[in-house]
Amino acid sequence: MNQSSQAPVSPKPTPEVILLANGVSGQTLLVGSFALALALLCAFLFSRRSSRSRGNTLLLVGPPDSGKTAILSNLAYNEALPSHTSLQSNATVVALPSGSNLRVVDIPGHPRIRDQFKDFMPDAKAIAFVVDASTISRNGAAVAEHLHHILHAITSLPPSQTAPALMILAHKADLLKTGTSSSSPGDVAVTRVRTILERELEKRRESGVGVEGLGEEGERSDMGGLDHNGPAGAPFKFAAWEGGELDFTATWIRIKNGDDEKHTDADGLEGMKDWLDQLPK
């Protein structure tokens, strides 16, 4: 066959290299670069926030005269000095048995200023709600109303913040008398505080209406924070609370007044200190 009669063979197309910047204006590239840099910065800040989400502060909260300031001074100076009702927050740094340091903030319990604890929530590692176990039988409704504010604040935290661990201190346990020789004052104090607070919080959960407490008038309360994962229709129980970690312990301290000591036995804050030492770092 004559080669001149063959149809010409078209060469194979050469793959095109498409440049990213082809047809893209300089302004668009600038905006894209800025958006990328902003995204990287946000990711960096979020990772730092996540690593610090638990914070390094213990908040001492609870009604007036429950013993918060005495606990603070005991943690700081290994002894509790006479104190009076606080009208402003007190803070100090204490060393834990493990050798790590923890910032402790004592929040006043007066109803008009007790919500100051919210200012410290972003850096809260733990919250200790201090209850006078010797008077809880008389003012249980008011104490539960205060605790409800704490539970609501914990459950209202954004997902990016780790909820602080919560411990309820049945304080001044050494003032209680036991009915039987087999029960310690600490066991009696914890059982009393737990039972009364569960009962009063269940009343609040059922009614949704605030109760009179700490000198305030009755209030309408739409606060949450009392959800639990118990059986349907079951009353509120701390063991089933959905808000996070929650523990109880009994505490007491010696109060020194000059050369006199109101209590001669050893301080009873070991349970609280052990709990703090075991919290995730």
Protein backbone atom coordinates (compact mmCIF):
# COMPACT_ATOMS: atom_id res chain seq x y z
CA MET A 1 0.00 0.00 0.00
CA ASN A 2 1.21 3.44 -0.88
CA GLN A 3 2.07 5.35 2.27
CA SER A 4 0.95 8.61 0.66
CA SER A 5 -2.64 7.32 0.59
CA GLN A 6 -2.81 6.76 4.37
CA ALA A 7 -4.67 9.32 6.51
CA PRO A 8 -2.39 11.39 8.67
CA VAL A 9 -2.13 10.14 12.26
CA SER A 10 -2.96 12.81 14.85
CA PRO A 11 -0.44 13.03 17.66
CA LYS A 12 -1.60 12.02 21.12
CA PRO A 13 -2.70 15.01 23.17
CA THR A 14 -0.21 16.16 25.71
CA PRO A 15 -1.68 16.26 29.27
CA GLU A 16 -2.28 19.79 30.35
CA VAL A 17 -0.81 21.07 33.60
CA ILE A 18 -3.42 23.19 35.28
CA LEU A 19 -1.87 25.79 37.51
CA LEU A 20 -3.65 26.50 40.81
CA ALA A 21 -3.25 30.19 40.27
CA ASN A 22 -4.45 30.07 36.68
CA GLY A 23 -7.39 32.46 36.45
CA VAL A 24 -7.28 33.27 40.20
CA SER A 25 -6.83 36.88 41.19
CA GLY A 26 -4.26 38.00 43.70
CA GLN A 27 -7.00 39.22 46.00
CA THR A 28 -8.60 35.75 46.08
CA LEU A 29 -5.26 34.17 46.93
CA LEU A 30 -4.77 36.68 49.72
CA VAL A 31 -8.19 35.95 51.19
CA GLY A 32 -7.60 32.21 50.95
CA SER A 33 -4.22 32.48 52.67
CA PHE A 34 -5.75 34.57 55.44
CA ALA A 35 -8.56 32.03 55.92
CA LEU A 36 -6.06 29.18 56.13
CA ALA A 37 -3.93 31.05 58.65
CA LEU A 38 -7.02 31.83 60.72
CA ALA A 39 -8.10 28.19 60.69
CA LEU A 40 -4.65 27.06 61.85
CA LEU A 41 -4.68 29.68 64.63
CA CYS A 42 -8.14 28.57 65.81
CA ALA A 43 -7.02 24.94 65.84
CA PHE A 44 -3.96 25.88 67.90
CA LEU A 45 -5.97 27.90 70.39
CA PHE A 46 -8.60 25.17 70.68
CA SER A 47 -5.95 22.56 71.38
CA ARG A 48 -4.46 24.77 74.09
CA ARG A 49 -7.89 25.38 75.59
CA SER A 50 -8.65 21.66 75.57
CA SER A 51 -5.40 20.92 77.36
CA ARG A 52 -6.30 23.48 80.01
CA SER A 53 -10.03 22.77 80.09
CA ARG A 54 -10.00 21.24 83.56
CA GLY A 55 -8.17 24.21 85.03
CA ASN A 56 -6.22 24.36 88.27
CA THR A 57 -8.61 25.94 90.78
CA LEU A 58 -10.63 24.51 93.64
CA LEU A 59 -13.77 26.49 94.46
CA LEU A 60 -15.04 26.36 98.04
CA VAL A 61 -18.75 27.14 97.88
CA GLY A 62 -21.70 26.73 100.22
CA PRO A 63 -23.98 28.60 102.63
CA PRO A 64 -22.64 31.18 105.12
CA ASP A 65 -21.12 29.82 108.34
CA SER A 66 -20.60 26.37 106.86
CA GLY A 67 -16.84 26.55 107.47
CA LYS A 68 -15.39 27.45 104.06
CA THR A 69 -12.94 30.11 105.25
CA ALA A 70 -11.71 27.87 108.07
CA ILE A 71 -11.04 25.11 105.54
CA LEU A 72 -9.15 27.57 103.33
CA SER A 73 -6.88 28.71 106.17
CA ASN A 74 -6.31 25.10 107.23
CA LEU A 75 -5.24 24.11 103.72
CA ALA A 76 -2.93 27.11 103.51
CA TYR A 77 -1.45 27.20 107.04
CA ASN A 78 -2.27 23.75 108.50
CA GLU A 79 -4.44 25.35 111.12
CA ALA A 80 -7.82 27.08 111.16
CA LEU A 81 -7.97 30.54 112.67
CA PRO A 82 -11.18 32.17 113.95
CA SER A 83 -13.07 33.73 111.05
CA HIS A 84 -16.24 35.65 110.31
CA THR A 85 -18.71 35.66 107.44
CA SER A 86 -16.86 36.63 104.26
CA LEU A 87 -18.18 39.34 101.96
CA GLN A 88 -15.57 38.88 99.26
CA SER A 89 -13.71 36.01 97.67
CA ASN A 90 -10.47 34.84 99.27
CA ALA A 91 -7.80 32.96 97.34
CA THR A 92 -4.53 31.23 98.05
CA VAL A 93 -2.25 28.57 96.56
CA VAL A 94 -1.81 25.33 98.49
CA ALA A 95 0.55 22.40 98.04
CA LEU A 96 -1.04 18.97 97.72
CA PRO A 97 0.52 15.80 99.17
CA SER A 98 1.66 14.83 95.66
CA GLY A 99 3.75 18.00 95.47
CA SER A 100 1.56 19.79 92.92
CA ASN A 101 0.06 23.21 93.62
CA LEU A 102 -3.61 24.12 93.52
CA ARG A 103 -5.29 27.50 93.66
CA VAL A 104 -8.12 27.55 96.21
CA VAL A 105 -10.85 30.22 96.11
CA ASP A 106 -13.33 30.70 98.95
CA ILE A 107 -16.61 32.09 97.57
CA PRO A 108 -18.91 33.98 100.01
CA GLY A 109 -22.20 32.21 100.67
CA HIS A 110 -24.50 35.22 100.97
CA PRO A 111 -27.33 34.97 98.41
CA ARG A 112 -26.55 38.35 96.84
CA ILE A 113 -22.92 37.53 96.07
CA ARG A 114 -22.65 33.75 96.03
CA ASP A 115 -22.89 33.67 92.22
CA GLN A 116 -19.34 35.03 92.12
CA PHE A 117 -18.31 31.41 91.66
CA LYS A 118 -19.33 31.68 88.00
CA ASP A 119 -16.43 34.06 87.37
CA PHE A 120 -14.00 31.26 88.26
CA MET A 121 -15.73 28.39 86.45
CA PRO A 122 -13.54 28.55 83.30
CA ASP A 123 -10.50 27.58 85.40
CA ALA A 124 -12.26 25.30 87.91
CA LYS A 125 -10.73 21.87 88.35
CA ALA A 126 -12.94 20.94 91.28
CA ILE A 127 -15.74 22.33 93.42
CA ALA A 128 -16.22 21.55 97.11
CA PHE A 129 -19.72 22.34 98.36
CA VAL A 130 -19.42 22.77 102.12
CA VAL A 131 -22.43 21.86 104.29
CA ASP A 132 -22.70 22.26 108.06
CA ALA A 133 -23.83 18.73 108.93
CA SER A 134 -24.86 19.84 112.43
CA THR A 135 -27.51 22.29 111.13
CA ILE A 136 -28.64 20.71 107.83
CA SER A 137 -31.79 19.35 109.49
CA ARG A 138 -33.01 22.92 110.09
CA ASN A 139 -32.05 24.61 106.81
CA GLY A 140 -32.01 21.76 104.30
CA ALA A 141 -34.28 23.54 101.80
CA ALA A 142 -32.04 26.63 101.71
CA VAL A 143 -28.87 24.55 101.32
CA ALA A 144 -30.43 22.52 98.50
CA GLU A 145 -31.46 25.74 96.73
CA HIS A 146 -27.83 26.91 96.86
CA LEU A 147 -26.54 23.55 95.65
CA HIS A 148 -29.04 23.61 92.77
CA HIS A 149 -27.31 26.75 91.43
CA ILE A 150 -24.00 24.85 91.42
CA LEU A 151 -25.44 21.78 89.68
CA HIS A 152 -27.11 23.98 87.07
CA ALA A 153 -23.86 25.85 86.35
CA ILE A 154 -21.92 22.60 85.91
CA THR A 155 -24.45 21.10 83.49
CA SER A 156 -24.61 24.37 81.53
CA LEU A 157 -20.90 24.42 80.65
CA PRO A 158 -20.00 24.36 76.94
CA PRO A 159 -18.87 21.00 75.50
CA SER A 160 -15.34 22.34 75.05
CA GLN A 161 -14.89 22.67 78.83
CA THR A 162 -14.42 19.66 81.06
CA ALA A 163 -16.86 19.75 83.96
CA PRO A 164 -15.11 20.21 87.31
CA ALA A 165 -15.27 17.35 89.76
CA LEU A 166 -17.74 17.96 92.59
CA MET A 167 -17.46 16.90 96.20
CA ILE A 168 -20.02 17.61 98.92
CA LEU A 169 -18.34 18.05 102.30
CA ALA A 170 -20.41 17.02 105.31
CA HIS A 171 -18.50 19.47 107.46
CA LYS A 172 -18.33 19.79 111.26
CA ALA A 173 -18.92 16.05 111.48
CA ASP A 174 -17.19 15.95 114.86
CA LEU A 175 -20.14 17.81 116.39
CA LEU A 176 -22.53 14.95 115.69
CA LYS A 177 -23.32 12.22 118.16
CA THR A 178 -23.72 8.66 116.95
CA GLY A 179 -26.65 6.54 118.03
CA THR A 180 -24.68 3.31 117.91
CA SER A 181 -21.10 2.40 118.61
CA SER A 182 -20.77 0.89 115.11
CA SER A 183 -21.39 4.22 113.34
CA SER A 184 -18.70 6.88 113.17
CA PRO A 185 -19.58 10.60 113.26
CA GLY A 186 -18.33 10.86 109.69
CA ASP A 187 -20.70 8.15 108.46
CA VAL A 188 -23.62 9.76 110.27
CA ALA A 189 -22.75 13.19 108.81
CA VAL A 190 -22.52 11.94 105.22
CA THR A 191 -25.75 9.93 105.48
CA ARG A 192 -27.62 12.87 106.98
CA VAL A 193 -26.39 15.40 104.42
CA ARG A 194 -26.96 13.09 101.45
CA THR A 195 -30.49 12.09 102.53
CA ILE A 196 -31.71 15.61 103.26
CA LEU A 197 -30.26 17.16 100.10
CA GLU A 198 -31.64 14.40 97.88
CA ARG A 199 -35.07 14.88 99.39
CA GLU A 200 -35.03 18.66 98.97
CA LEU A 201 -33.62 18.54 95.43
CA GLU A 202 -36.33 16.08 94.45
CA LYS A 203 -38.93 18.57 95.68
CA ARG A 204 -37.38 21.24 93.47
CA ARG A 205 -37.20 18.88 90.51
CA GLU A 206 -40.85 17.87 90.81
CA SER A 207 -42.29 21.33 91.36
CA GLY A 208 -39.94 23.53 89.36
CA VAL A 209 -40.66 26.23 91.94
CA GLY A 210 -37.94 27.74 94.10
CA VAL A 211 -38.21 27.53 97.84
CA GLU A 212 -37.53 30.17 100.42
CA GLY A 213 -33.94 30.09 101.53
CA LEU A 214 -31.18 32.16 103.05
CA GLY A 215 -33.42 35.17 103.53
CA GLU A 216 -34.66 35.30 99.95
CA GLU A 217 -38.29 35.29 98.90
CA GLY A 218 -39.67 32.26 97.09
CA GLU A 219 -38.64 32.32 93.45
CA ARG A 220 -39.75 30.69 90.26
CA SER A 221 -36.99 28.39 89.14
CA ASP A 222 -36.60 27.03 85.63
CA MET A 223 -33.05 25.86 86.28
CA GLY A 224 -31.89 22.49 85.07
CA GLY A 225 -29.09 20.41 86.48
CA LEU A 226 -31.19 17.79 88.27
CA ASP A 227 -31.42 15.20 85.51
CA HIS A 228 -30.46 11.68 86.50
CA ASN A 229 -30.26 8.32 84.78
CA GLY A 230 -32.24 6.35 87.35
CA PRO A 231 -35.41 4.40 86.55
CA ALA A 232 -38.36 6.34 85.18
CA GLY A 233 -40.27 7.98 88.01
CA ALA A 234 -37.50 7.36 90.53
CA PRO A 235 -36.60 10.24 92.89
CA PHE A 236 -33.41 12.22 92.52
CA LYS A 237 -30.28 10.41 93.70
CA PHE A 238 -26.75 11.76 93.63
CA ALA A 239 -25.45 8.36 92.52
CA ALA A 240 -27.44 8.67 89.28
CA TRP A 241 -26.78 12.38 88.61
CA GLU A 242 -25.88 13.01 84.98
CA GLY A 243 -23.72 16.07 85.57
CA GLY A 244 -20.38 14.33 86.11
CA GLU A 245 -18.18 13.21 88.98
CA LEU A 246 -19.70 13.61 92.45
CA ASP A 247 -18.38 12.40 95.79
CA PHE A 248 -19.12 12.82 99.49
CA THR A 249 -16.81 12.93 102.47
CA ALA A 250 -17.03 14.00 106.09
CA THR A 251 -14.71 16.75 107.33
CA TRP A 252 -13.96 18.72 110.46
CA ILE A 253 -11.17 20.97 111.72
CA ARG A 254 -9.83 22.36 114.94
CA ILE A 255 -10.62 25.99 115.64
CA LYS A 256 -7.98 27.81 117.63
CA ASN A 257 -8.91 30.82 119.74
CA GLY A 258 -5.84 32.15 121.43
CA ASP A 259 -4.46 29.43 123.69
CA ASP A 260 -7.75 27.55 123.69
CA GLU A 261 -8.77 24.89 121.22
CA LYS A 262 -12.41 24.30 120.53
CA HIS A 263 -11.61 20.79 119.33
CA THR A 264 -8.68 18.77 120.56
CA ASP A 265 -8.79 15.96 118.01
CA ALA A 266 -6.87 15.98 114.75
CA ASP A 267 -8.08 17.83 111.70
CA GLY A 268 -10.38 15.79 109.49
CA LEU A 269 -9.53 17.01 105.99
CA GLU A 270 -7.62 13.93 104.86
CA GLY A 271 -10.50 12.61 102.77
CA MET A 272 -10.78 15.89 100.95
CA LYS A 273 -7.01 16.13 100.38
CA ASP A 274 -6.84 12.57 99.03
CA TRP A 275 -9.70 13.35 96.64
CA LEU A 276 -7.91 16.45 95.36
CA ASP A 277 -4.66 14.55 94.94
CA GLN A 278 -6.35 11.87 92.84
CA LEU A 279 -8.00 14.25 90.39
CA PRO A 280 -6.72 14.03 86.79
CA LYS A 281 -3.75 16.31 86.27
